[in-house]
Structures are given as structure tokens and as C-alpha cells.
Amino acid sequence: MKFLYSRTSVRYLQKLEKDISRKIIGAVEKLPKEGDIIKLKGKKVKNIYRLRAGKYRIIFSWEKDLIKAVKIDTRGDVYKN
């Protein structure tokens, strides 16, 4: 399984404390075997999922052997544009 992070995801992780960013990266690297994963609904959304890691949410796309973290933020802010 290959993991990619978007530029905005990397910038957000760099702003966080080291232990929190390690926790989030650890949760992403455990995909797809474990984690609180839900497929997002919508007409414009295809193969987009949400992973919960404490109070943080990771929005990612999942296609065969590639998982790309699109956005990482807190629960209240991750779904805003």
C-alpha cells in the first residue's frame, strides 16, 4: 500500500505538535486494516473516505493500492471549504 499526502495535509501536520502528528500519521499508515472509516456521500464525491483519529479527521481518496490524504483538520473544520 502506498501513501501520499497533499501539500495542505503536510503543512497542517507540520503546524501540529510532534506527538499529535505522529498519531495521525500512524492512523493513516494502518489503513485499510483498521480505523474508523466512513465513505463520504455526495454527487461530486467518488472514492473519498473519512478517517477519525481522536478529534482530528483525515479526508482521503482510496484507489486500489494508493491512499492519498487530501485534507487533515479538526472535526468541526475539516468539512468546510
N, C-alpha and C. Protein backbone atom coordinates (compact mmCIF):
# COMPACT_ATOMS: atom_id res chain seq x y z
N MET A 1 0.84 -1.17 0.00
CA MET A 1 0.00 0.00 0.00
C MET A 1 0.89 1.24 0.00
N LYS A 2 0.57 2.19 -0.87
CA LYS A 2 1.35 3.41 -0.99
C LYS A 2 0.53 4.57 -0.42
N PHE A 3 1.18 5.45 0.36
CA PHE A 3 0.54 6.59 0.99
C PHE A 3 1.11 7.88 0.43
N LEU A 4 0.23 8.80 0.06
CA LEU A 4 0.63 10.13 -0.40
C LEU A 4 -0.11 11.17 0.44
N TYR A 5 0.52 12.30 0.65
CA TYR A 5 -0.10 13.39 1.40
C TYR A 5 -0.14 14.63 0.52
N SER A 6 -1.27 15.31 0.50
CA SER A 6 -1.37 16.55 -0.27
C SER A 6 -0.53 17.63 0.41
N ARG A 7 -0.27 18.68 -0.31
CA ARG A 7 0.54 19.78 0.22
C ARG A 7 -0.13 20.40 1.45
N THR A 8 -1.45 20.57 1.40
CA THR A 8 -2.15 21.16 2.55
C THR A 8 -2.09 20.23 3.76
N SER A 9 -2.13 18.93 3.54
CA SER A 9 -2.04 17.97 4.64
C SER A 9 -0.67 18.04 5.30
N VAL A 10 0.37 18.13 4.51
CA VAL A 10 1.73 18.20 5.05
C VAL A 10 1.91 19.49 5.85
N ARG A 11 1.42 20.59 5.33
CA ARG A 11 1.54 21.87 6.04
C ARG A 11 0.80 21.82 7.38
N TYR A 12 -0.38 21.20 7.39
CA TYR A 12 -1.15 21.12 8.63
C TYR A 12 -0.42 20.24 9.65
N LEU A 13 0.14 19.13 9.19
CA LEU A 13 0.87 18.24 10.10
C LEU A 13 2.11 18.93 10.68
N GLN A 14 2.75 19.78 9.90
CA GLN A 14 3.93 20.49 10.38
C GLN A 14 3.59 21.51 11.46
N LYS A 15 2.37 22.05 11.43
CA LYS A 15 1.95 23.02 12.43
C LYS A 15 1.59 22.37 13.76
N LEU A 16 1.22 21.11 13.73
CA LEU A 16 0.81 20.40 14.95
C LEU A 16 2.02 20.03 15.79
N GLU A 17 1.74 19.69 17.05
CA GLU A 17 2.78 19.16 17.91
C GLU A 17 3.23 17.81 17.38
N LYS A 18 4.49 17.46 17.64
CA LYS A 18 5.08 16.24 17.08
C LYS A 18 4.30 14.98 17.46
N ASP A 19 3.88 14.86 18.73
CA ASP A 19 3.19 13.64 19.15
C ASP A 19 1.82 13.50 18.48
N ILE A 20 1.14 14.62 18.24
CA ILE A 20 -0.17 14.56 17.57
C ILE A 20 0.01 14.21 16.11
N SER A 21 0.99 14.80 15.44
CA SER A 21 1.21 14.48 14.03
C SER A 21 1.64 13.03 13.85
N ARG A 22 2.42 12.50 14.79
CA ARG A 22 2.80 11.08 14.72
C ARG A 22 1.57 10.17 14.88
N LYS A 23 0.66 10.56 15.76
CA LYS A 23 -0.56 9.79 15.97
C LYS A 23 -1.41 9.75 14.68
N ILE A 24 -1.51 10.89 14.02
CA ILE A 24 -2.29 10.97 12.78
C ILE A 24 -1.63 10.15 11.68
N ILE A 25 -0.32 10.28 11.52
CA ILE A 25 0.41 9.52 10.50
C ILE A 25 0.30 8.02 10.79
N GLY A 26 0.39 7.64 12.06
CA GLY A 26 0.23 6.24 12.44
C GLY A 26 -1.15 5.70 12.08
N ALA A 27 -2.19 6.53 12.28
CA ALA A 27 -3.55 6.11 11.93
C ALA A 27 -3.69 5.92 10.42
N VAL A 28 -3.07 6.80 9.64
CA VAL A 28 -3.14 6.69 8.17
C VAL A 28 -2.39 5.45 7.70
N GLU A 29 -1.25 5.16 8.30
CA GLU A 29 -0.45 4.02 7.85
C GLU A 29 -1.08 2.67 8.23
N LYS A 30 -2.04 2.66 9.15
CA LYS A 30 -2.74 1.42 9.49
C LYS A 30 -3.87 1.11 8.51
N LEU A 31 -4.16 2.06 7.63
CA LEU A 31 -5.20 1.83 6.62
C LEU A 31 -4.77 0.73 5.68
N PRO A 32 -5.62 -0.02 5.11
CA PRO A 32 -7.06 -0.10 5.28
C PRO A 32 -7.48 -1.12 6.34
N LYS A 33 -6.55 -1.66 7.07
CA LYS A 33 -6.84 -2.75 8.01
C LYS A 33 -7.67 -2.32 9.20
N GLU A 34 -7.35 -1.16 9.78
CA GLU A 34 -8.09 -0.72 10.94
C GLU A 34 -8.32 0.77 10.92
N GLY A 35 -9.26 1.20 11.73
CA GLY A 35 -9.58 2.63 11.82
C GLY A 35 -11.07 2.84 11.64
N ASP A 36 -11.53 3.99 12.11
CA ASP A 36 -12.94 4.38 11.97
C ASP A 36 -13.09 5.06 10.62
N ILE A 37 -13.46 4.28 9.61
CA ILE A 37 -13.52 4.75 8.23
C ILE A 37 -14.97 4.80 7.77
N ILE A 38 -15.34 5.91 7.15
CA ILE A 38 -16.68 6.05 6.56
C ILE A 38 -16.53 6.62 5.17
N LYS A 39 -17.26 6.04 4.21
CA LYS A 39 -17.26 6.58 2.85
C LYS A 39 -18.16 7.81 2.82
N LEU A 40 -17.66 8.91 2.25
CA LEU A 40 -18.43 10.14 2.18
C LEU A 40 -19.44 10.07 1.05
N LYS A 41 -20.58 10.72 1.26
CA LYS A 41 -21.67 10.70 0.28
C LYS A 41 -21.71 12.03 -0.47
N GLY A 42 -22.21 11.98 -1.69
CA GLY A 42 -22.37 13.19 -2.49
C GLY A 42 -22.22 12.88 -3.96
N LYS A 43 -22.76 13.76 -4.78
CA LYS A 43 -22.70 13.56 -6.22
C LYS A 43 -21.30 13.78 -6.77
N LYS A 44 -20.56 14.73 -6.20
CA LYS A 44 -19.22 15.05 -6.69
C LYS A 44 -18.14 14.19 -6.04
N VAL A 45 -18.52 13.36 -5.09
CA VAL A 45 -17.56 12.61 -4.29
C VAL A 45 -17.53 11.15 -4.75
N LYS A 46 -16.35 10.71 -5.20
CA LYS A 46 -16.17 9.31 -5.57
C LYS A 46 -14.87 8.82 -4.96
N ASN A 47 -14.93 7.67 -4.30
CA ASN A 47 -13.77 7.06 -3.65
C ASN A 47 -13.13 7.99 -2.61
N ILE A 48 -13.93 8.78 -1.91
CA ILE A 48 -13.45 9.66 -0.86
C ILE A 48 -13.97 9.13 0.48
N TYR A 49 -13.07 9.04 1.43
CA TYR A 49 -13.39 8.47 2.74
C TYR A 49 -12.94 9.41 3.85
N ARG A 50 -13.46 9.15 5.06
CA ARG A 50 -13.08 9.90 6.24
C ARG A 50 -12.53 8.93 7.27
N LEU A 51 -11.39 9.28 7.84
CA LEU A 51 -10.78 8.50 8.91
C LEU A 51 -10.78 9.36 10.16
N ARG A 52 -11.21 8.78 11.28
CA ARG A 52 -11.23 9.51 12.54
C ARG A 52 -10.03 9.12 13.38
N ALA A 53 -9.29 10.12 13.86
CA ALA A 53 -8.14 9.91 14.76
C ALA A 53 -8.28 10.90 15.91
N GLY A 54 -9.00 10.50 16.96
CA GLY A 54 -9.27 11.41 18.07
C GLY A 54 -10.16 12.54 17.61
N LYS A 55 -9.75 13.79 17.89
CA LYS A 55 -10.57 14.92 17.45
C LYS A 55 -10.22 15.38 16.03
N TYR A 56 -9.32 14.68 15.39
CA TYR A 56 -8.90 15.02 14.02
C TYR A 56 -9.56 14.09 13.01
N ARG A 57 -9.78 14.64 11.81
CA ARG A 57 -10.34 13.86 10.72
C ARG A 57 -9.40 13.95 9.53
N ILE A 58 -9.24 12.82 8.86
CA ILE A 58 -8.41 12.76 7.67
C ILE A 58 -9.32 12.40 6.51
N ILE A 59 -9.40 13.28 5.53
CA ILE A 59 -10.17 13.01 4.32
C ILE A 59 -9.18 12.45 3.31
N PHE A 60 -9.49 11.26 2.77
CA PHE A 60 -8.55 10.63 1.85
C PHE A 60 -9.26 9.94 0.70
N SER A 61 -8.54 9.80 -0.39
CA SER A 61 -9.04 9.04 -1.54
C SER A 61 -8.35 7.68 -1.53
N TRP A 62 -9.08 6.69 -1.99
CA TRP A 62 -8.59 5.31 -1.91
C TRP A 62 -8.85 4.63 -3.24
N GLU A 63 -7.79 4.31 -3.94
CA GLU A 63 -7.90 3.63 -5.22
C GLU A 63 -6.89 2.50 -5.26
N LYS A 64 -7.36 1.29 -5.22
CA LYS A 64 -6.56 0.07 -5.24
C LYS A 64 -5.41 0.12 -4.24
N ASP A 65 -4.18 0.33 -4.67
CA ASP A 65 -3.02 0.32 -3.77
C ASP A 65 -2.51 1.72 -3.43
N LEU A 66 -3.33 2.74 -3.63
CA LEU A 66 -2.90 4.11 -3.37
C LEU A 66 -3.90 4.81 -2.45
N ILE A 67 -3.39 5.34 -1.35
CA ILE A 67 -4.20 6.14 -0.44
C ILE A 67 -3.57 7.52 -0.38
N LYS A 68 -4.39 8.55 -0.70
CA LYS A 68 -3.88 9.92 -0.68
C LYS A 68 -4.67 10.75 0.33
N ALA A 69 -3.97 11.26 1.33
CA ALA A 69 -4.59 12.14 2.32
C ALA A 69 -4.82 13.49 1.66
N VAL A 70 -6.07 13.88 1.51
CA VAL A 70 -6.42 15.11 0.83
C VAL A 70 -6.44 16.28 1.79
N LYS A 71 -7.05 16.07 2.99
CA LYS A 71 -7.16 17.16 3.95
C LYS A 71 -7.15 16.59 5.36
N ILE A 72 -6.48 17.27 6.27
CA ILE A 72 -6.43 16.89 7.68
C ILE A 72 -6.79 18.12 8.48
N ASP A 73 -7.74 17.97 9.40
CA ASP A 73 -8.13 19.10 10.24
C ASP A 73 -8.96 18.57 11.41
N THR A 74 -9.40 19.49 12.28
CA THR A 74 -10.23 19.08 13.40
C THR A 74 -11.64 18.77 12.92
N ARG A 75 -12.39 18.13 13.78
CA ARG A 75 -13.72 17.66 13.42
C ARG A 75 -14.61 18.76 12.86
N GLY A 76 -14.62 19.92 13.47
CA GLY A 76 -15.50 21.00 13.04
C GLY A 76 -15.06 21.70 11.78
N ASP A 77 -13.79 21.63 11.45
CA ASP A 77 -13.27 22.42 10.33
C ASP A 77 -12.96 21.63 9.06
N VAL A 78 -12.88 20.33 9.15
CA VAL A 78 -12.42 19.55 8.01
C VAL A 78 -13.41 19.56 6.85
N TYR A 79 -14.70 19.71 7.12
CA TYR A 79 -15.69 19.65 6.07
C TYR A 79 -15.99 21.01 5.44
N LYS A 80 -15.39 22.08 5.97
CA LYS A 80 -15.59 23.42 5.41
C LYS A 80 -14.68 23.61 4.21
N ASN A 81 -15.09 24.45 3.30
CA ASN A 81 -14.26 24.72 2.13
C ASN A 81 -13.27 25.79 2.39
